[in-house]
Amino acid sequence: MTTLLDPSSRSLVLAVFSVFVVICLMLCIVTGADDDDRALVRSGSRRLRSWQQGIAMGGDTTTVATVTVLVGMVATSGFDGLGVMLGSLMGVVLLLVLIVEPLRRHASLTVADLLDARGSGGPTVRASWGVVTLLVCFPLLVVQLVVVGNVAAALIGQPGARTGCIVVIGCVMTALAVIGGIRGTGVVMIAKSAVTLPVLVVAAVLVLHRFGGDPGRLLDAAAHGSGLGGAYLRPGGYTGEGWVGAVNRIGQIFGMSMATLAMPAVLMRAISTKSPRGARTVGRWMLGELTLLYAALAVVGIGAAALVGGALREAGPSAQVFTPLLLGGALDSGGVLVAALACVLFLTALAAVVDVTLAAGIALGRDVLDASGRRASGAPGDSHASGGHAAGGVDGAASRWSAALTGSAAALVAVFTADWNLVVVSTLWLAVCGAALAPVLLYALYWPGFTARGALWCLWGATVVSVAALAVSPYVSGAPAAIFPDYDFKVWDVTIPGLVTVPAGFLLGWLGSVTDPRRGARRLSAPERHRELDAA
């Protein structure tokens, strides 16, 4: 993979990326919030227009793994890769229909404020939500940094420079998150979308033009090029056959939908939506951007199977992250398209890591540390919901330092896990996000009987179930590509456990609530409190 770019194209990519980083740094300095926590988390973002917020939220769901791994899945397994895209779009629709407006109404700074406002919060729940959010954000950060480090090392023609690339890129992205706050990172996300979407659409148009604009010819060529024949257009290429394949496929769509619904970086921006009308505008722009993006990625992935399927098979699974670049080389021998697609990968990684780092920093600073301060000071659990600062609360500077700590730690871990199977790390954050965060969010919004015990059981119980489901899967042991290939302690062959973990999260949340001894007393006051909040 060291011949993806010639020296002139490498210079172009590095120059474009450097200019973009400098511009983003300047924008973050100019538009970033001050040290006040509310300016950092909410008020600064409210200065963005609704359509800008929609583009930024759409960009939040698009990571470098989306552009590389997802395109690689479509290229090598066909139907199952398209199922991931479908699950993500379903999650976006659910987010816009069920989450954005009520979350905006009841959460003043973070999602934990919603739990306080709806009567199922408290310092322990706030800290637990923050810790589980970190468990979601941290693996996502590690995956992003490893992927972009591998791509950067290959593009400069020095595979041994991967460690340096991971560290440098991680430091740059962390600095942007710390300086910019949510408004500054929103500007970065919009700039990224303005570059990424047109390049991917152009690549998709070139793929269709190569096959005369005939989708049938393209699919036939993809089936032949992938080496799967007719199986390319049927389920099972990635998820497997039989009952295991069925569980994987359903879990893939179900788990992806729930994970997209509760992605911390997306929720961070959803809280900042200006008004009900603004929420609808945000939804239209977000859904329109992602529909166009996923359509382009699907065509790019199918085109890669048709044009470079043989090269992908020879290079093995590790080459999937380079699928867009290999396709660019097949479509444009001059290297311009490869350089443009390389810039897309860098900019996508930059924006994604910046936003996720900020979301993790806010979770650590506003929820975990703030909850600890409340317990130490005896402050009430709903101070944020009422608009005041807790006595033990932290300010925006703490969230910035938390973001810096999280980003630096993620870069360090990415260096040591760069040779791991990244699929298991991606599956981990998706599983925890969909099984632990999404049920708590939905219950808090739509079930008046949801209690703090239910929230704690769901958050921690679903996290344990998700980790255990992956620990006994072929991702960890019993397979050549597993983390521990020399050991075999797998219990089942299911690799996408969403069909098990997500219902387990909902069940634990319900069970914890109905067995809560304080539920009877709470039920008397909850309806009146909810009516007051809904009228606010």
Protein backbone atom coordinates (compact mmCIF):
# COMPACT_ATOMS: atom_id res chain seq x y z
CA MET A 1 0.00 0.00 0.00
CA THR A 2 2.99 2.30 -0.20
CA THR A 3 2.37 3.10 -3.89
CA LEU A 4 -1.07 4.66 -3.48
CA LEU A 5 0.28 8.13 -4.25
CA ASP A 6 3.18 9.43 -6.26
CA PRO A 7 5.43 12.06 -4.63
CA SER A 8 3.63 15.01 -6.20
CA SER A 9 0.21 13.73 -5.07
CA ARG A 10 1.55 13.14 -1.57
CA SER A 11 2.77 16.72 -1.44
CA LEU A 12 -0.65 17.93 -2.59
CA VAL A 13 -2.46 15.90 0.08
CA LEU A 14 -0.15 17.05 2.86
CA ALA A 15 -0.38 20.67 1.70
CA VAL A 16 -4.19 20.60 1.55
CA PHE A 17 -4.44 18.90 4.92
CA SER A 18 -2.02 21.34 6.52
CA VAL A 19 -3.88 24.34 5.13
CA PHE A 20 -7.18 22.90 6.36
CA VAL A 21 -5.78 22.33 9.86
CA VAL A 22 -4.45 25.91 10.03
CA ILE A 23 -7.78 27.31 8.82
CA CYS A 24 -9.69 25.19 11.34
CA LEU A 25 -7.36 26.29 14.12
CA MET A 26 -7.95 29.94 13.25
CA LEU A 27 -11.72 29.39 13.07
CA CYS A 28 -11.69 27.66 16.45
CA ILE A 29 -9.79 30.55 18.00
CA VAL A 30 -12.18 33.11 16.51
CA THR A 31 -15.46 31.25 17.10
CA GLY A 32 -14.60 29.21 20.19
CA ALA A 33 -16.43 29.79 23.45
CA ASP A 34 -14.95 31.35 26.55
CA ASP A 35 -14.22 29.49 29.76
CA ASP A 36 -17.81 29.55 30.95
CA ASP A 37 -19.26 26.05 30.89
CA ARG A 38 -22.58 27.07 29.37
CA ALA A 39 -20.85 28.98 26.58
CA LEU A 40 -18.68 25.94 25.97
CA VAL A 41 -21.49 23.41 25.90
CA ARG A 42 -24.61 25.20 24.79
CA SER A 43 -24.76 28.93 24.20
CA GLY A 44 -21.91 29.03 21.71
CA SER A 45 -23.55 26.35 19.61
CA ARG A 46 -26.82 28.27 19.61
CA ARG A 47 -25.17 30.95 17.50
CA LEU A 48 -25.05 28.46 14.63
CA ARG A 49 -28.03 28.65 12.30
CA SER A 50 -30.37 25.68 12.18
CA TRP A 51 -29.20 24.50 8.76
CA GLN A 52 -25.60 24.74 9.94
CA GLN A 53 -26.50 22.71 13.01
CA GLY A 54 -28.11 20.09 10.78
CA ILE A 55 -24.98 19.77 8.66
CA ALA A 56 -22.82 19.52 11.78
CA MET A 57 -25.05 16.81 13.28
CA GLY A 58 -24.97 14.89 10.02
CA GLY A 59 -21.21 15.12 10.04
CA ASP A 60 -21.14 13.79 13.62
CA THR A 61 -22.49 10.44 12.45
CA THR A 62 -19.83 10.18 9.72
CA THR A 63 -16.49 8.95 10.98
CA VAL A 64 -13.40 7.90 9.09
CA ALA A 65 -14.41 4.30 9.84
CA THR A 66 -17.67 5.02 8.01
CA VAL A 67 -15.85 6.13 4.90
CA THR A 68 -13.22 3.38 4.94
CA VAL A 69 -14.49 0.28 6.75
CA LEU A 70 -18.06 0.67 5.52
CA VAL A 71 -16.99 1.14 1.91
CA GLY A 72 -14.68 -1.86 2.33
CA MET A 73 -17.56 -3.95 3.68
CA VAL A 74 -19.73 -3.06 0.69
CA ALA A 75 -16.85 -3.87 -1.67
CA THR A 76 -16.08 -7.27 -0.14
CA SER A 77 -19.44 -8.49 1.19
CA GLY A 78 -22.05 -6.52 -0.73
CA PHE A 79 -25.52 -6.84 0.76
CA ASP A 80 -24.42 -6.93 4.41
CA GLY A 81 -22.44 -3.72 4.05
CA LEU A 82 -25.54 -1.99 2.71
CA GLY A 83 -27.43 -3.27 5.76
CA VAL A 84 -25.15 -1.23 8.02
CA MET A 85 -26.01 1.92 6.07
CA LEU A 86 -29.71 1.11 6.34
CA GLY A 87 -29.43 0.67 10.10
CA SER A 88 -27.65 4.00 10.47
CA LEU A 89 -30.28 5.86 8.44
CA MET A 90 -33.05 4.24 10.50
CA GLY A 91 -31.30 5.49 13.64
CA VAL A 92 -31.16 9.02 12.23
CA VAL A 93 -34.90 8.96 11.50
CA LEU A 94 -35.64 7.74 15.04
CA LEU A 95 -33.37 10.43 16.46
CA LEU A 96 -35.17 13.17 14.57
CA VAL A 97 -38.66 11.86 15.33
CA LEU A 98 -38.27 10.77 18.95
CA ILE A 99 -35.28 12.53 20.52
CA VAL A 100 -34.27 15.95 19.24
CA GLU A 101 -37.22 18.11 20.31
CA PRO A 102 -37.95 16.63 23.80
CA LEU A 103 -34.23 16.44 24.55
CA ARG A 104 -33.81 20.09 23.60
CA ARG A 105 -36.68 20.99 25.92
CA HIS A 106 -35.48 19.23 29.06
CA ALA A 107 -31.66 19.05 28.89
CA SER A 108 -29.85 22.30 29.57
CA LEU A 109 -26.23 21.12 29.28
CA THR A 110 -25.94 17.32 28.96
CA VAL A 111 -28.25 14.31 28.70
CA ALA A 112 -27.86 13.76 32.44
CA ASP A 113 -29.88 16.96 32.92
CA LEU A 114 -32.79 15.21 31.21
CA LEU A 115 -32.59 12.38 33.75
CA ASP A 116 -32.62 14.91 36.59
CA ALA A 117 -35.54 16.79 35.08
CA ARG A 118 -37.62 13.66 34.50
CA GLY A 119 -37.10 12.36 38.03
CA SER A 120 -34.74 9.46 37.25
CA GLY A 121 -31.44 11.18 37.90
CA GLY A 122 -29.19 12.15 40.76
CA PRO A 123 -25.42 12.39 41.29
CA THR A 124 -24.88 8.61 41.00
CA VAL A 125 -26.89 8.37 37.79
CA ARG A 126 -25.15 11.45 36.39
CA ALA A 127 -21.72 9.98 37.10
CA SER A 128 -22.76 6.60 35.66
CA TRP A 129 -24.05 8.21 32.46
CA GLY A 130 -20.77 10.10 32.13
CA VAL A 131 -18.63 7.00 32.66
CA VAL A 132 -20.60 4.90 30.16
CA THR A 133 -20.41 7.79 27.68
CA LEU A 134 -16.63 7.68 28.08
CA LEU A 135 -16.72 3.91 27.47
CA VAL A 136 -18.46 4.67 24.18
CA CYS A 137 -16.32 7.62 23.11
CA PHE A 138 -12.93 6.16 23.99
CA PRO A 139 -13.00 3.08 21.69
CA LEU A 140 -14.40 5.28 18.93
CA LEU A 141 -11.49 7.68 19.32
CA VAL A 142 -8.99 4.83 19.27
CA VAL A 143 -10.46 3.39 16.06
CA GLN A 144 -10.39 6.78 14.33
CA LEU A 145 -6.77 7.41 15.29
CA VAL A 146 -5.57 3.95 14.25
CA VAL A 147 -7.30 4.14 10.87
CA VAL A 148 -6.03 7.61 10.05
CA GLY A 149 -2.55 6.69 11.33
CA ASN A 150 -2.41 3.69 9.00
CA VAL A 151 -3.64 5.72 6.05
CA ALA A 152 -1.23 8.59 6.76
CA ALA A 153 1.77 6.25 7.03
CA ALA A 154 0.85 4.55 3.77
CA LEU A 155 0.31 7.81 1.95
CA ILE A 156 3.70 9.21 2.90
CA GLY A 157 5.29 5.90 1.94
CA GLN A 158 6.69 5.16 5.42
CA PRO A 159 4.74 2.35 7.17
CA GLY A 160 7.11 2.60 10.14
CA ALA A 161 5.92 6.16 10.75
CA ARG A 162 2.48 4.99 11.88
CA THR A 163 3.15 5.64 15.56
CA GLY A 164 4.34 9.18 14.89
CA CYS A 165 1.33 9.85 12.65
CA ILE A 166 -1.09 8.67 15.34
CA VAL A 167 0.53 10.84 18.02
CA VAL A 168 0.81 13.98 15.87
CA ILE A 169 -2.70 13.75 14.45
CA GLY A 170 -4.14 12.95 17.89
CA CYS A 171 -2.46 16.01 19.41
CA VAL A 172 -3.68 18.30 16.61
CA MET A 173 -7.26 17.10 16.89
CA THR A 174 -7.26 17.34 20.66
CA ALA A 175 -5.99 20.90 20.46
CA LEU A 176 -8.83 21.84 18.09
CA ALA A 177 -11.41 20.35 20.46
CA VAL A 178 -9.97 22.16 23.49
CA ILE A 179 -9.70 25.53 21.74
CA GLY A 180 -12.93 25.52 19.77
CA GLY A 181 -15.62 24.28 22.13
CA ILE A 182 -18.85 23.09 20.59
CA ARG A 183 -19.29 26.10 18.32
CA GLY A 184 -15.76 25.97 16.97
CA THR A 185 -15.98 22.22 16.37
CA GLY A 186 -19.30 22.79 14.64
CA VAL A 187 -17.57 25.12 12.19
CA VAL A 188 -14.92 22.43 11.62
CA MET A 189 -17.65 19.86 10.98
CA ILE A 190 -19.37 22.11 8.42
CA ALA A 191 -16.08 22.75 6.63
CA LYS A 192 -15.40 19.02 6.54
CA SER A 193 -18.83 18.29 5.04
CA ALA A 194 -18.33 21.01 2.43
CA VAL A 195 -15.25 19.13 1.18
CA THR A 196 -16.17 15.50 1.83
CA LEU A 197 -19.64 15.31 0.32
CA PRO A 198 -18.79 16.80 -3.11
CA VAL A 199 -15.70 14.59 -3.50
CA LEU A 200 -17.63 11.41 -2.69
CA VAL A 201 -20.48 12.40 -5.00
CA VAL A 202 -17.98 13.03 -7.82
CA ALA A 203 -16.40 9.62 -7.20
CA ALA A 204 -19.85 7.97 -7.32
CA VAL A 205 -20.70 9.79 -10.57
CA LEU A 206 -17.40 8.63 -12.12
CA VAL A 207 -18.18 5.04 -11.11
CA LEU A 208 -21.60 5.21 -12.78
CA HIS A 209 -20.07 6.88 -15.85
CA ARG A 210 -17.54 4.05 -16.14
CA PHE A 211 -20.46 1.63 -16.54
CA GLY A 212 -22.50 3.81 -18.85
CA GLY A 213 -24.88 4.93 -16.13
CA ASP A 214 -26.37 1.42 -15.97
CA PRO A 215 -26.78 0.19 -12.36
CA GLY A 216 -27.40 -3.34 -13.63
CA ARG A 217 -24.02 -3.49 -15.36
CA LEU A 218 -22.37 -2.09 -12.25
CA LEU A 219 -23.93 -4.72 -9.97
CA ASP A 220 -23.02 -7.55 -12.36
CA ALA A 221 -19.43 -6.33 -12.52
CA ALA A 222 -19.32 -6.01 -8.71
CA ALA A 223 -20.61 -9.55 -8.24
CA HIS A 224 -17.92 -10.84 -10.60
CA GLY A 225 -15.12 -8.64 -9.26
CA SER A 226 -15.81 -9.48 -5.62
CA GLY A 227 -15.30 -13.18 -6.31
CA LEU A 228 -18.65 -13.98 -4.64
CA GLY A 229 -20.75 -14.21 -7.77
CA GLY A 230 -24.48 -14.17 -7.06
CA ALA A 231 -23.80 -14.33 -3.31
CA TYR A 232 -22.63 -10.72 -3.45
CA LEU A 233 -26.22 -9.59 -3.85
CA ARG A 234 -27.55 -11.85 -1.08
CA PRO A 235 -27.19 -11.61 2.72
CA GLY A 236 -24.53 -13.67 4.45
CA GLY A 237 -21.29 -12.43 2.91
CA TYR A 238 -20.23 -10.79 6.17
CA THR A 239 -22.77 -11.90 8.75
CA GLY A 240 -22.66 -15.62 7.94
CA GLU A 241 -25.26 -18.25 7.13
CA GLY A 242 -27.90 -20.10 9.13
CA TRP A 243 -29.24 -18.95 12.49
CA VAL A 244 -25.96 -17.22 13.34
CA GLY A 245 -26.20 -15.15 10.18
CA ALA A 246 -29.82 -14.25 10.89
CA VAL A 247 -28.95 -13.13 14.44
CA ASN A 248 -26.01 -11.10 13.12
CA ARG A 249 -28.06 -9.41 10.41
CA ILE A 250 -30.95 -8.45 12.67
CA GLY A 251 -28.53 -7.39 15.39
CA GLN A 252 -26.59 -5.35 12.84
CA ILE A 253 -29.59 -3.24 11.80
CA PHE A 254 -31.14 -3.12 15.27
CA GLY A 255 -27.90 -2.32 17.08
CA MET A 256 -26.77 0.24 14.51
CA SER A 257 -30.11 2.05 14.71
CA MET A 258 -29.97 2.30 18.51
CA ALA A 259 -26.30 3.31 18.51
CA THR A 260 -26.88 6.09 15.97
CA LEU A 261 -29.82 7.30 18.03
CA ALA A 262 -27.64 7.76 21.12
CA MET A 263 -24.23 8.81 19.79
CA PRO A 264 -22.82 11.22 22.41
CA ALA A 265 -21.50 13.77 19.91
CA VAL A 266 -24.87 13.90 18.11
CA LEU A 267 -26.80 14.26 21.38
CA MET A 268 -24.40 17.03 22.41
CA ARG A 269 -25.53 19.06 19.40
CA ALA A 270 -29.18 18.03 19.63
CA ILE A 271 -29.38 19.69 23.05
CA SER A 272 -28.36 22.97 21.40
CA THR A 273 -31.22 23.05 18.88
CA LYS A 274 -32.83 26.49 19.05
CA SER A 275 -36.58 25.82 18.85
CA PRO A 276 -39.18 23.31 17.60
CA ARG A 277 -39.07 24.95 14.18
CA GLY A 278 -35.27 24.92 14.32
CA ALA A 279 -35.37 21.23 15.23
CA ARG A 280 -37.36 20.47 12.09
CA THR A 281 -34.90 22.44 9.98
CA VAL A 282 -31.99 20.60 11.60
CA GLY A 283 -33.69 17.30 10.82
CA ARG A 284 -34.24 18.08 7.15
CA TRP A 285 -30.62 19.12 6.58
CA MET A 286 -29.20 16.24 8.59
CA LEU A 287 -31.31 13.58 6.87
CA GLY A 288 -30.71 15.07 3.42
CA GLU A 289 -26.94 15.17 3.95
CA LEU A 290 -26.74 11.59 5.21
CA THR A 291 -29.03 10.19 2.52
CA LEU A 292 -26.85 11.71 -0.19
CA LEU A 293 -23.67 10.64 1.61
CA TYR A 294 -24.72 7.01 2.10
CA ALA A 295 -25.95 6.78 -1.50
CA ALA A 296 -22.52 7.98 -2.67
CA LEU A 297 -20.71 5.58 -0.33
CA ALA A 298 -22.83 2.68 -1.54
CA VAL A 299 -21.97 3.41 -5.18
CA VAL A 300 -18.29 3.87 -4.30
CA GLY A 301 -18.24 0.54 -2.45
CA ILE A 302 -19.97 -1.33 -5.28
CA GLY A 303 -17.65 0.34 -7.78
CA ALA A 304 -14.64 -0.78 -5.75
CA ALA A 305 -15.87 -4.38 -5.90
CA ALA A 306 -16.24 -4.08 -9.66
CA LEU A 307 -12.93 -2.36 -10.42
CA VAL A 308 -10.47 -3.39 -7.68
CA GLY A 309 -12.13 -6.43 -6.13
CA GLY A 310 -9.21 -8.67 -7.08
CA ALA A 311 -6.67 -6.34 -5.47
CA LEU A 312 -8.73 -6.24 -2.28
CA ARG A 313 -8.87 -10.03 -2.08
CA GLU A 314 -5.13 -10.33 -2.57
CA ALA A 315 -4.31 -7.69 0.04
CA GLY A 316 -6.58 -9.22 2.70
CA PRO A 317 -8.95 -7.68 5.28
CA SER A 318 -6.42 -5.10 6.43
CA ALA A 319 -6.63 -3.42 3.02
CA GLN A 320 -10.29 -2.50 3.45
CA VAL A 321 -9.39 0.87 4.95
CA PHE A 322 -7.65 1.74 1.66
CA THR A 323 -10.65 0.80 -0.52
CA PRO A 324 -11.61 4.39 -1.50
CA LEU A 325 -8.01 5.15 -2.45
CA LEU A 326 -7.67 2.00 -4.56
CA LEU A 327 -10.88 2.89 -6.35
CA GLY A 328 -9.61 6.42 -6.96
CA GLY A 329 -6.49 5.01 -8.60
CA ALA A 330 -8.63 2.82 -10.88
CA LEU A 331 -10.85 5.73 -11.91
CA ASP A 332 -8.14 8.37 -12.38
CA SER A 333 -4.62 7.33 -13.31
CA GLY A 334 -3.43 10.92 -12.88
CA GLY A 335 -3.77 10.65 -9.10
CA VAL A 336 -5.96 13.73 -8.59
CA LEU A 337 -8.95 11.71 -7.41
CA VAL A 338 -6.75 9.63 -5.11
CA ALA A 339 -5.39 12.81 -3.58
CA ALA A 340 -8.91 14.21 -3.15
CA LEU A 341 -10.12 11.01 -1.50
CA ALA A 342 -7.08 10.98 0.77
CA CYS A 343 -7.98 14.50 1.85
CA VAL A 344 -11.52 13.27 2.54
CA LEU A 345 -10.16 10.58 4.87
CA PHE A 346 -7.96 13.03 6.74
CA LEU A 347 -10.64 15.68 7.09
CA THR A 348 -13.27 13.14 8.17
CA ALA A 349 -10.94 11.81 10.84
CA LEU A 350 -10.05 15.32 11.94
CA ALA A 351 -13.66 16.43 12.38
CA ALA A 352 -14.87 13.16 13.94
CA VAL A 353 -12.11 12.94 16.53
CA VAL A 354 -12.45 16.63 17.40
CA ASP A 355 -16.18 16.28 18.11
CA VAL A 356 -15.95 12.95 19.94
CA THR A 357 -13.07 14.28 22.04
CA LEU A 358 -15.17 17.28 23.03
CA ALA A 359 -18.17 15.07 23.87
CA ALA A 360 -15.96 12.84 26.02
CA GLY A 361 -14.43 15.85 27.74
CA ILE A 362 -17.86 17.29 28.53
CA ALA A 363 -19.01 13.90 29.89
CA LEU A 364 -15.96 13.71 32.14
CA GLY A 365 -16.01 17.34 33.23
CA ARG A 366 -19.75 18.05 33.44
CA ASP A 367 -21.10 14.66 34.54
CA VAL A 368 -18.42 12.60 36.27
CA LEU A 369 -16.49 15.37 38.04
CA ASP A 370 -19.57 17.51 38.60
CA ALA A 371 -21.45 14.60 40.20
CA SER A 372 -18.48 13.96 42.49
CA GLY A 373 -18.53 17.63 43.48
CA ARG A 374 -22.22 17.48 44.22
CA ARG A 375 -21.88 14.48 46.46
CA ALA A 376 -19.05 16.18 48.32
CA SER A 377 -21.01 19.41 48.78
CA GLY A 378 -24.46 17.91 49.24
CA ALA A 379 -25.87 19.95 46.33
CA PRO A 380 -29.27 18.88 45.00
CA GLY A 381 -29.36 16.55 42.04
CA ASP A 382 -31.43 18.76 39.77
CA SER A 383 -29.49 22.01 39.93
CA HIS A 384 -28.69 21.91 36.25
CA ALA A 385 -32.27 21.33 35.29
CA SER A 386 -33.26 24.44 37.18
CA GLY A 387 -30.60 26.48 35.48
CA GLY A 388 -28.22 26.97 38.38
CA HIS A 389 -24.72 25.75 39.00
CA ALA A 390 -24.15 23.01 41.50
CA ALA A 391 -22.05 23.95 44.46
CA GLY A 392 -19.56 21.34 43.48
CA GLY A 393 -19.85 22.03 39.78
CA VAL A 394 -16.99 22.55 37.45
CA ASP A 395 -16.60 25.22 34.82
CA GLY A 396 -15.79 25.07 31.14
CA ALA A 397 -12.07 24.96 31.85
CA ALA A 398 -12.54 21.57 33.54
CA SER A 399 -14.35 20.24 30.45
CA ARG A 400 -11.50 21.50 28.27
CA TRP A 401 -8.87 19.86 30.44
CA SER A 402 -10.96 16.69 30.46
CA ALA A 403 -11.08 16.76 26.66
CA ALA A 404 -7.30 17.21 26.52
CA LEU A 405 -6.79 14.29 28.88
CA THR A 406 -9.18 12.05 26.95
CA GLY A 407 -7.64 12.84 23.57
CA SER A 408 -4.09 12.30 24.82
CA ALA A 409 -5.00 9.00 26.46
CA ALA A 410 -6.78 7.83 23.30
CA ALA A 411 -3.68 8.58 21.20
CA LEU A 412 -1.51 6.62 23.63
CA VAL A 413 -3.86 3.61 23.63
CA ALA A 414 -4.14 3.76 19.82
CA VAL A 415 -0.37 3.34 19.54
CA PHE A 416 -0.44 0.11 21.57
CA THR A 417 -3.59 -1.33 19.95
CA ALA A 418 -2.79 -0.40 16.35
CA ASP A 419 -2.35 -4.07 15.37
CA TRP A 420 -5.58 -5.26 16.98
CA ASN A 421 -8.67 -6.25 15.05
CA LEU A 422 -10.41 -2.89 14.82
CA VAL A 423 -13.75 -4.52 14.08
CA VAL A 424 -14.06 -5.76 17.65
CA VAL A 425 -13.27 -2.29 19.02
CA SER A 426 -15.89 -0.72 16.73
CA THR A 427 -18.42 -3.38 17.69
CA LEU A 428 -17.74 -2.68 21.37
CA TRP A 429 -18.62 1.01 21.27
CA LEU A 430 -21.62 0.37 19.03
CA ALA A 431 -22.92 -2.36 21.36
CA VAL A 432 -22.54 -0.30 24.54
CA CYS A 433 -24.03 2.80 22.95
CA GLY A 434 -27.06 0.96 21.59
CA ALA A 435 -27.70 -1.25 24.63
CA ALA A 436 -26.90 1.11 27.53
CA LEU A 437 -27.36 4.74 26.43
CA ALA A 438 -30.29 4.42 24.01
CA PRO A 439 -32.72 2.59 26.36
CA VAL A 440 -32.05 5.04 29.21
CA LEU A 441 -32.64 7.97 26.86
CA LEU A 442 -35.91 6.58 25.50
CA TYR A 443 -37.22 5.51 28.90
CA ALA A 444 -36.41 8.90 30.43
CA LEU A 445 -38.34 10.66 27.67
CA TYR A 446 -41.38 8.42 27.33
CA TRP A 447 -41.93 6.35 30.49
CA PRO A 448 -43.02 8.28 33.61
CA GLY A 449 -42.31 5.23 35.78
CA PHE A 450 -38.61 5.15 34.95
CA THR A 451 -36.49 5.53 38.09
CA ALA A 452 -32.88 6.11 39.07
CA ARG A 453 -32.47 2.42 39.87
CA GLY A 454 -33.73 1.53 36.40
CA ALA A 455 -31.20 3.93 34.87
CA LEU A 456 -28.33 2.42 36.87
CA TRP A 457 -29.34 -1.16 36.10
CA CYS A 458 -29.61 -0.36 32.42
CA LEU A 459 -26.36 1.60 32.18
CA TRP A 460 -24.16 -0.87 34.03
CA GLY A 461 -26.03 -4.09 33.33
CA ALA A 462 -26.21 -3.51 29.57
CA THR A 463 -22.53 -2.53 29.51
CA VAL A 464 -21.56 -5.77 31.25
CA VAL A 465 -23.81 -7.81 28.92
CA SER A 466 -22.28 -6.14 25.84
CA VAL A 467 -18.70 -6.73 26.98
CA ALA A 468 -19.49 -10.34 27.93
CA ALA A 469 -21.21 -11.02 24.59
CA LEU A 470 -18.12 -9.89 22.70
CA ALA A 471 -15.71 -11.62 25.10
CA VAL A 472 -17.20 -15.03 24.27
CA SER A 473 -17.37 -14.34 20.51
CA PRO A 474 -14.88 -15.20 17.74
CA TYR A 475 -13.68 -11.61 17.83
CA VAL A 476 -11.72 -12.28 21.03
CA SER A 477 -10.66 -15.94 20.76
CA GLY A 478 -10.97 -19.08 18.67
CA ALA A 479 -10.32 -17.47 15.26
CA PRO A 480 -7.18 -16.46 13.33
CA ALA A 481 -8.20 -12.78 13.31
CA ALA A 482 -9.17 -12.71 17.00
CA ILE A 483 -7.43 -10.60 19.62
CA PHE A 484 -6.16 -13.81 21.27
CA PRO A 485 -5.91 -16.29 18.37
CA ASP A 486 -3.96 -18.85 20.42
CA TYR A 487 -6.82 -19.31 22.89
CA ASP A 488 -10.37 -20.55 22.43
CA PHE A 489 -12.94 -19.61 25.03
CA LYS A 490 -15.72 -18.54 22.68
CA VAL A 491 -19.21 -19.72 23.53
CA TRP A 492 -21.07 -18.72 20.37
CA ASP A 493 -20.32 -17.65 16.82
CA VAL A 494 -22.41 -14.46 16.91
CA THR A 495 -20.23 -11.42 16.23
CA ILE A 496 -22.91 -8.70 16.17
CA PRO A 497 -24.86 -9.15 19.42
CA GLY A 498 -27.35 -6.28 19.04
CA LEU A 499 -30.32 -8.64 18.98
CA VAL A 500 -29.36 -9.77 22.49
CA THR A 501 -27.76 -6.70 24.09
CA VAL A 502 -30.35 -4.07 23.14
CA PRO A 503 -33.38 -6.00 24.50
CA ALA A 504 -31.30 -6.81 27.59
CA GLY A 505 -30.77 -3.09 28.16
CA PHE A 506 -34.49 -2.33 27.90
CA LEU A 507 -35.34 -5.29 30.15
CA LEU A 508 -32.86 -4.22 32.83
CA GLY A 509 -34.17 -0.66 32.78
CA TRP A 510 -37.74 -1.88 33.19
CA LEU A 511 -36.88 -4.43 35.87
CA GLY A 512 -34.85 -1.96 37.91
CA SER A 513 -37.68 0.57 37.80
CA VAL A 514 -40.56 -1.75 38.72
CA THR A 515 -38.60 -3.20 41.65
CA ASP A 516 -37.55 0.20 42.98
CA PRO A 517 -39.11 0.62 46.45
CA ARG A 518 -39.27 4.40 45.94
CA ARG A 519 -41.31 4.06 42.76
CA GLY A 520 -44.69 4.27 44.52
CA ALA A 521 -43.88 7.58 46.19
CA ARG A 522 -42.33 8.94 43.04
CA ARG A 523 -45.37 8.02 40.94
CA LEU A 524 -47.55 10.44 42.90
CA SER A 525 -45.49 13.48 41.98
CA ALA A 526 -44.10 12.48 38.58
CA PRO A 527 -47.14 13.32 36.36
CA GLU A 528 -47.48 16.80 37.83
CA ARG A 529 -43.74 17.41 37.47
CA HIS A 530 -43.78 16.22 33.87
CA ARG A 531 -46.73 18.48 33.02
CA GLU A 532 -44.85 21.43 34.44
CA LEU A 533 -41.73 20.55 32.45
CA ASP A 534 -43.70 19.99 29.24
CA ALA A 535 -45.30 23.41 29.62
CA ALA A 536 -41.95 25.11 30.23
